[in-house]
N, C-alpha and C. Protein backbone atom coordinates (compact mmCIF):
# COMPACT_ATOMS: atom_id res chain seq x y z
N MET A 1 48.02 -45.93 -52.18
CA MET A 1 47.12 -46.62 -53.46
C MET A 1 46.32 -45.56 -53.76
N ALA A 2 45.64 -44.82 -52.91
CA ALA A 2 44.51 -43.45 -53.26
C ALA A 2 45.40 -42.34 -53.26
N SER A 3 44.88 -41.36 -54.29
CA SER A 3 45.38 -39.98 -54.12
C SER A 3 45.24 -39.14 -53.20
N ALA A 4 46.14 -38.27 -53.12
CA ALA A 4 45.84 -37.28 -51.94
C ALA A 4 44.74 -36.25 -52.30
N TYR A 5 44.52 -36.12 -53.63
CA TYR A 5 43.86 -35.19 -54.26
C TYR A 5 42.59 -35.82 -54.77
N GLY A 6 42.24 -36.98 -54.10
CA GLY A 6 40.84 -37.61 -54.45
C GLY A 6 39.75 -37.04 -54.42
N SER A 7 38.78 -37.35 -55.16
CA SER A 7 37.28 -36.80 -54.65
C SER A 7 36.59 -37.18 -53.48
N TRP A 8 36.84 -38.23 -52.85
CA TRP A 8 36.01 -38.28 -51.80
C TRP A 8 36.89 -38.17 -50.43
N TRP A 9 36.31 -37.59 -49.54
CA TRP A 9 36.86 -37.21 -48.17
C TRP A 9 35.65 -37.56 -47.03
N ALA A 10 36.33 -37.89 -45.89
CA ALA A 10 35.26 -38.03 -44.75
C ALA A 10 35.53 -36.86 -44.12
N ASP A 11 34.41 -36.53 -43.04
CA ASP A 11 34.62 -35.16 -42.08
C ASP A 11 35.40 -35.73 -41.02
N GLU A 12 36.38 -34.45 -40.64
CA GLU A 12 37.08 -34.95 -39.02
C GLU A 12 35.97 -35.47 -38.07
N MET A 13 34.85 -34.55 -38.05
CA MET A 13 34.20 -35.30 -36.72
C MET A 13 33.94 -36.79 -36.87
N GLU A 14 34.02 -37.36 -37.73
CA GLU A 14 33.68 -38.69 -38.19
C GLU A 14 34.59 -39.69 -37.60
N LEU A 15 36.09 -39.25 -37.55
CA LEU A 15 36.96 -39.86 -36.82
C LEU A 15 37.22 -39.59 -35.18
N VAL A 16 36.59 -38.66 -34.98
CA VAL A 16 36.49 -38.13 -33.48
C VAL A 16 35.30 -38.60 -33.21
N LYS A 17 34.08 -38.80 -33.74
CA LYS A 17 33.10 -39.83 -32.98
C LYS A 17 33.89 -41.46 -32.83
N LEU A 18 34.14 -41.87 -33.83
CA LEU A 18 34.49 -43.26 -33.66
C LEU A 18 35.63 -43.69 -32.75
N SER A 19 36.50 -42.25 -32.19
CA SER A 19 37.45 -42.42 -31.35
C SER A 19 37.03 -42.40 -30.27
N GLN A 20 36.24 -41.72 -29.84
CA GLN A 20 35.39 -41.71 -28.16
C GLN A 20 34.62 -42.85 -28.11
N GLU A 21 33.99 -43.51 -29.00
CA GLU A 21 33.50 -44.76 -29.00
C GLU A 21 34.39 -46.10 -28.52
N ILE A 22 35.38 -45.83 -29.18
CA ILE A 22 36.74 -46.69 -28.86
C ILE A 22 37.06 -46.37 -27.49
N ASP A 23 37.51 -45.27 -27.17
CA ASP A 23 38.12 -44.66 -25.92
C ASP A 23 37.46 -45.29 -24.61
N MET A 24 36.21 -45.84 -24.80
CA MET A 24 35.27 -46.09 -23.63
C MET A 24 35.65 -47.33 -23.33
N PHE A 25 36.37 -48.10 -24.15
CA PHE A 25 36.70 -49.57 -23.79
C PHE A 25 38.32 -49.61 -23.19
N GLU A 26 38.92 -48.36 -22.97
CA GLU A 26 40.36 -48.32 -22.71
C GLU A 26 40.40 -49.01 -21.09
N ASN A 27 41.02 -49.64 -20.84
CA ASN A 27 41.38 -50.32 -19.38
C ASN A 27 40.63 -51.57 -19.55
N TRP A 28 39.73 -51.89 -20.64
CA TRP A 28 38.73 -52.87 -20.43
C TRP A 28 39.18 -54.18 -21.43
N LEU A 29 39.91 -53.56 -22.69
CA LEU A 29 40.46 -54.39 -23.71
C LEU A 29 41.58 -54.57 -23.87
N PRO A 30 42.43 -55.29 -24.35
CA PRO A 30 44.01 -55.01 -24.68
C PRO A 30 44.32 -53.94 -25.51
N GLU A 31 45.37 -53.22 -25.23
CA GLU A 31 46.03 -51.92 -26.10
C GLU A 31 46.03 -52.46 -27.68
N GLU A 32 46.92 -53.58 -27.82
CA GLU A 32 46.82 -54.17 -29.15
C GLU A 32 45.23 -53.97 -29.98
N LEU A 33 44.39 -54.41 -29.36
CA LEU A 33 43.04 -54.51 -29.74
C LEU A 33 42.47 -53.29 -30.24
N LEU A 34 42.89 -52.25 -29.15
CA LEU A 34 42.31 -50.53 -29.04
C LEU A 34 43.08 -50.07 -30.39
N ARG A 35 43.88 -50.44 -30.41
CA ARG A 35 44.84 -49.80 -31.76
C ARG A 35 44.40 -50.17 -33.10
N ARG A 36 44.11 -51.41 -33.16
CA ARG A 36 43.66 -52.05 -34.49
C ARG A 36 41.79 -51.67 -34.64
N ALA A 37 41.47 -51.25 -33.76
CA ALA A 37 40.06 -50.96 -33.62
C ALA A 37 39.70 -49.50 -34.55
N LEU A 38 40.50 -48.64 -34.34
CA LEU A 38 39.98 -47.27 -34.98
C LEU A 38 40.24 -47.26 -36.43
N PRO A 39 41.30 -47.87 -36.97
CA PRO A 39 41.26 -47.68 -38.58
C PRO A 39 40.47 -49.13 -39.22
N ALA A 40 39.95 -50.04 -38.50
CA ALA A 40 38.92 -50.84 -38.57
C ALA A 40 37.72 -50.34 -38.93
N GLN A 41 37.18 -49.71 -37.63
CA GLN A 41 35.90 -48.68 -37.49
C GLN A 41 35.64 -47.90 -38.65
N TYR A 42 36.88 -47.23 -38.85
CA TYR A 42 36.87 -45.99 -39.90
C TYR A 42 36.50 -46.68 -41.29
N ARG A 43 37.19 -47.65 -41.55
CA ARG A 43 36.90 -48.33 -42.84
C ARG A 43 35.64 -48.72 -43.08
N GLY A 44 34.96 -49.37 -41.78
CA GLY A 44 33.82 -49.95 -42.20
C GLY A 44 32.53 -48.63 -42.17
N ALA A 45 32.81 -47.65 -41.26
CA ALA A 45 32.14 -46.37 -41.40
C ALA A 45 32.14 -45.86 -42.52
N THR A 46 33.33 -45.72 -43.09
CA THR A 46 33.38 -44.72 -44.59
C THR A 46 32.97 -45.60 -45.79
N ALA A 47 32.97 -47.07 -45.63
CA ALA A 47 32.90 -48.05 -46.58
C ALA A 47 34.02 -48.15 -47.77
N LEU A 48 35.25 -48.13 -46.93
CA LEU A 48 36.32 -47.88 -47.94
C LEU A 48 36.75 -49.17 -48.19
N CYS A 49 36.63 -49.92 -49.48
CA CYS A 49 36.99 -50.79 -49.53
C CYS A 49 38.60 -51.06 -49.69
N GLU A 50 39.29 -52.39 -49.29
CA GLU A 50 40.71 -52.60 -49.06
C GLU A 50 41.40 -52.67 -50.25
N ASP A 51 40.99 -52.59 -51.47
CA ASP A 51 41.49 -52.23 -52.67
C ASP A 51 41.46 -51.00 -53.32
N TRP A 52 40.74 -50.11 -52.54
CA TRP A 52 40.76 -48.96 -53.07
C TRP A 52 41.70 -47.76 -52.47
N ASN A 53 42.14 -48.51 -50.98
CA ASN A 53 42.95 -47.62 -50.08
C ASN A 53 43.34 -48.74 -48.99
N ASP A 54 44.81 -48.84 -48.77
CA ASP A 54 45.10 -49.58 -47.70
C ASP A 54 45.34 -48.97 -46.36
N MET A 55 45.27 -47.50 -46.33
CA MET A 55 45.01 -46.53 -45.05
C MET A 55 46.62 -46.40 -44.62
N ARG A 56 47.66 -46.73 -45.25
CA ARG A 56 48.80 -46.61 -44.75
C ARG A 56 49.14 -44.95 -44.83
N GLU A 57 48.85 -44.36 -45.79
CA GLU A 57 48.79 -43.02 -45.88
C GLU A 57 47.59 -42.47 -45.95
N MET A 58 47.21 -41.40 -44.98
CA MET A 58 46.04 -40.62 -44.81
C MET A 58 46.27 -39.12 -45.01
N PHE A 59 45.26 -38.34 -45.27
CA PHE A 59 45.79 -36.86 -45.92
C PHE A 59 44.72 -36.41 -44.98
N LYS A 60 45.03 -35.02 -44.72
CA LYS A 60 44.00 -34.18 -44.45
C LYS A 60 43.87 -32.81 -45.49
N LEU A 61 42.77 -32.30 -45.48
CA LEU A 61 42.40 -31.09 -45.72
C LEU A 61 42.32 -29.98 -45.23
N VAL A 62 43.15 -28.99 -45.30
CA VAL A 62 42.87 -27.94 -44.23
C VAL A 62 42.81 -26.60 -45.30
N LEU A 63 41.39 -26.50 -45.15
CA LEU A 63 40.92 -25.05 -45.92
C LEU A 63 41.27 -23.89 -45.34
N PRO A 64 42.32 -23.09 -46.04
CA PRO A 64 42.49 -21.92 -45.19
C PRO A 64 41.19 -20.72 -45.10
N PRO A 65 41.13 -19.93 -44.09
CA PRO A 65 39.96 -18.87 -43.91
C PRO A 65 39.74 -18.03 -45.16
N GLN A 66 38.49 -18.01 -45.77
CA GLN A 66 37.94 -17.19 -46.88
C GLN A 66 38.08 -18.11 -48.09
N GLU A 67 38.50 -19.40 -47.98
CA GLU A 67 38.43 -20.14 -49.27
C GLU A 67 37.24 -21.27 -49.14
N GLU A 68 36.93 -21.57 -50.49
CA GLU A 68 35.51 -22.48 -50.45
C GLU A 68 35.86 -23.47 -51.55
N ILE A 69 35.01 -24.67 -51.07
CA ILE A 69 35.24 -25.62 -52.26
C ILE A 69 33.94 -26.14 -52.27
N THR A 70 33.13 -26.05 -53.61
CA THR A 70 32.01 -26.69 -53.71
C THR A 70 32.15 -28.31 -53.70
N GLY A 71 31.10 -28.81 -52.91
CA GLY A 71 30.82 -30.47 -53.04
C GLY A 71 29.52 -30.60 -52.49
N LEU A 72 29.50 -32.12 -52.45
CA LEU A 72 28.04 -32.78 -52.42
C LEU A 72 28.40 -33.52 -51.06
N VAL A 73 27.52 -33.67 -50.01
CA VAL A 73 27.50 -34.08 -48.79
C VAL A 73 26.39 -35.15 -48.94
N GLY A 74 26.90 -36.38 -48.24
CA GLY A 74 25.99 -37.28 -47.96
C GLY A 74 26.60 -38.83 -47.18
N VAL A 75 25.59 -39.65 -47.17
CA VAL A 75 25.97 -40.63 -46.30
C VAL A 75 26.93 -41.89 -47.16
N ALA A 76 27.68 -42.40 -46.44
CA ALA A 76 28.67 -43.56 -47.39
C ALA A 76 27.58 -44.86 -47.36
N ALA A 77 27.39 -45.31 -48.59
CA ALA A 77 26.53 -46.67 -48.94
C ALA A 77 27.58 -47.56 -48.55
N ALA A 78 26.86 -48.79 -47.99
CA ALA A 78 27.33 -50.34 -47.96
C ALA A 78 28.22 -50.25 -49.03
N GLN A 79 29.32 -51.05 -48.92
CA GLN A 79 30.43 -51.45 -50.00
C GLN A 79 30.79 -52.89 -49.71
N PRO A 80 31.33 -53.62 -50.70
CA PRO A 80 31.86 -54.91 -50.82
C PRO A 80 33.00 -54.66 -49.90
N GLN A 81 33.89 -55.60 -48.96
CA GLN A 81 35.15 -55.17 -48.60
C GLN A 81 36.06 -55.04 -49.39
N LYS A 82 36.22 -55.85 -50.59
CA LYS A 82 36.75 -55.49 -51.70
C LYS A 82 36.01 -55.23 -53.02
N SER A 83 36.54 -54.40 -53.76
CA SER A 83 35.28 -53.79 -54.85
C SER A 83 35.06 -54.94 -55.75
N THR A 84 36.10 -55.79 -56.13
CA THR A 84 35.86 -57.02 -57.09
C THR A 84 34.90 -57.79 -56.55
N LEU A 85 34.17 -58.09 -55.28
CA LEU A 85 33.31 -58.87 -55.09
C LEU A 85 32.04 -58.65 -55.25
N ASP A 86 30.86 -59.42 -55.48
CA ASP A 86 29.72 -59.03 -55.69
C ASP A 86 29.01 -59.12 -54.49
N PRO A 87 28.27 -57.36 -54.54
CA PRO A 87 27.60 -56.78 -53.48
C PRO A 87 26.24 -57.46 -53.38
N LYS A 88 25.97 -58.35 -54.26
CA LYS A 88 24.48 -58.82 -54.39
C LYS A 88 24.31 -60.21 -53.43
N SER A 89 26.04 -60.93 -53.32
CA SER A 89 25.94 -62.44 -52.68
C SER A 89 25.82 -62.24 -51.20
N ARG A 90 25.44 -63.22 -50.51
CA ARG A 90 25.18 -63.47 -49.37
C ARG A 90 26.60 -63.65 -48.50
N LYS A 91 27.45 -64.19 -49.79
CA LYS A 91 28.64 -64.62 -48.81
C LYS A 91 29.55 -63.38 -48.98
N THR A 92 29.55 -62.38 -49.71
CA THR A 92 30.24 -61.15 -49.62
C THR A 92 30.44 -60.23 -48.36
N PRO A 93 31.40 -60.15 -47.74
CA PRO A 93 31.57 -59.41 -46.62
C PRO A 93 31.18 -58.17 -46.96
N MET A 94 30.65 -57.39 -46.14
CA MET A 94 30.50 -55.91 -46.63
C MET A 94 30.86 -55.04 -45.54
N LEU A 95 31.06 -53.76 -45.84
CA LEU A 95 31.22 -52.51 -44.93
C LEU A 95 30.42 -51.71 -44.71
N GLN A 96 29.77 -51.57 -43.69
CA GLN A 96 28.53 -50.83 -43.55
C GLN A 96 28.49 -49.49 -44.14
N GLY A 97 29.34 -48.59 -43.85
CA GLY A 97 29.16 -47.58 -44.47
C GLY A 97 28.28 -46.54 -43.44
N GLY A 98 27.71 -45.27 -43.63
CA GLY A 98 26.96 -44.86 -42.51
C GLY A 98 27.47 -43.44 -42.31
N ALA A 99 28.89 -43.29 -42.65
CA ALA A 99 29.65 -42.21 -41.85
C ALA A 99 29.37 -40.84 -43.10
N GLU A 100 29.43 -39.75 -42.81
CA GLU A 100 29.21 -38.71 -43.67
C GLU A 100 30.56 -38.39 -44.36
N GLN A 101 30.20 -38.43 -45.94
CA GLN A 101 31.39 -37.98 -46.63
C GLN A 101 31.00 -36.79 -47.38
N VAL A 102 32.18 -36.16 -48.11
CA VAL A 102 31.94 -35.16 -49.02
C VAL A 102 32.54 -35.42 -50.47
N PHE A 103 32.01 -34.98 -51.43
CA PHE A 103 32.83 -35.63 -52.72
C PHE A 103 32.97 -34.26 -53.39
N PHE A 104 34.16 -34.08 -53.79
CA PHE A 104 34.49 -32.73 -54.39
C PHE A 104 34.68 -33.26 -56.14
N LYS A 105 34.02 -32.87 -56.93
CA LYS A 105 34.24 -33.14 -58.35
C LYS A 105 35.61 -32.58 -58.76
N LYS A 106 36.04 -33.43 -59.78
CA LYS A 106 37.58 -32.94 -59.88
C LYS A 106 37.35 -32.05 -61.19
N THR A 107 37.99 -31.01 -61.33
CA THR A 107 37.91 -29.91 -62.09
C THR A 107 39.21 -29.31 -62.27
N ARG A 108 39.45 -28.39 -63.20
CA ARG A 108 40.44 -27.44 -63.29
C ARG A 108 40.35 -26.26 -62.77
N THR A 109 38.67 -25.87 -62.40
CA THR A 109 38.44 -24.43 -61.69
C THR A 109 38.93 -23.83 -60.41
N LEU A 110 38.33 -23.23 -59.93
CA LEU A 110 38.54 -22.90 -58.37
C LEU A 110 38.17 -23.63 -57.50
N ASN A 111 37.17 -24.81 -57.98
CA ASN A 111 36.62 -25.54 -56.94
C ASN A 111 37.32 -26.64 -56.70
N SER A 112 38.62 -26.73 -57.24
CA SER A 112 39.34 -28.17 -57.59
C SER A 112 40.02 -27.98 -55.91
N ILE A 113 40.49 -29.36 -55.52
CA ILE A 113 41.18 -29.25 -54.43
C ILE A 113 42.70 -28.52 -54.57
N ASN A 114 43.08 -27.58 -53.93
CA ASN A 114 44.42 -27.01 -53.81
C ASN A 114 45.28 -27.69 -53.68
N PRO A 115 46.36 -28.25 -54.00
CA PRO A 115 47.22 -29.11 -53.56
C PRO A 115 47.99 -28.75 -52.22
N LEU A 116 47.99 -27.44 -52.15
CA LEU A 116 48.54 -26.50 -50.73
C LEU A 116 47.77 -26.70 -49.86
N TRP A 117 46.61 -27.39 -49.85
CA TRP A 117 45.71 -27.30 -48.81
C TRP A 117 45.88 -28.64 -47.98
N VAL A 118 46.58 -29.85 -48.56
CA VAL A 118 46.70 -31.04 -48.38
C VAL A 118 48.01 -31.47 -47.87
N TYR A 119 47.51 -32.25 -46.77
CA TYR A 119 49.03 -32.47 -45.94
C TYR A 119 48.80 -33.88 -45.17
N PRO A 120 50.05 -34.63 -45.43
CA PRO A 120 49.87 -36.07 -44.72
C PRO A 120 49.43 -35.92 -43.38
N ASP A 121 48.74 -37.15 -42.91
CA ASP A 121 48.54 -37.45 -41.53
C ASP A 121 48.72 -38.48 -41.07
N ARG A 122 49.50 -38.57 -40.13
CA ARG A 122 49.58 -40.27 -39.27
C ARG A 122 48.44 -40.35 -38.32
N LEU A 123 47.26 -40.90 -38.59
CA LEU A 123 46.45 -41.38 -37.66
C LEU A 123 46.58 -42.35 -36.99
N TRP A 124 47.18 -43.49 -37.21
CA TRP A 124 47.13 -44.71 -36.56
C TRP A 124 48.77 -45.62 -36.99
């Protein structure tokens, strides 16, 4: 659903933090619940609406040494669970956000994401 060369990316450390938080429940909760927890927590922290990306395909950006990409870093704002829902309605389920995200503007200059730096990754 989402492009492997999209503008919005999350830092790898966000996944590491979430994984460490979930790991402390190992042997306390059923494995199936723990297996589903990481993608659910990731969706919530990055405020990734369900209709923007179903997370079946995930990609990582590996920047080679000596290369640069100019981007903006900030915190993901809360979003509705589905982008078509009204964020002002009390009945709308919201994704909390709060994870650090990076925005790379789509251009045709050297600041673009080079397709050779993007790899599919099986996270869950």
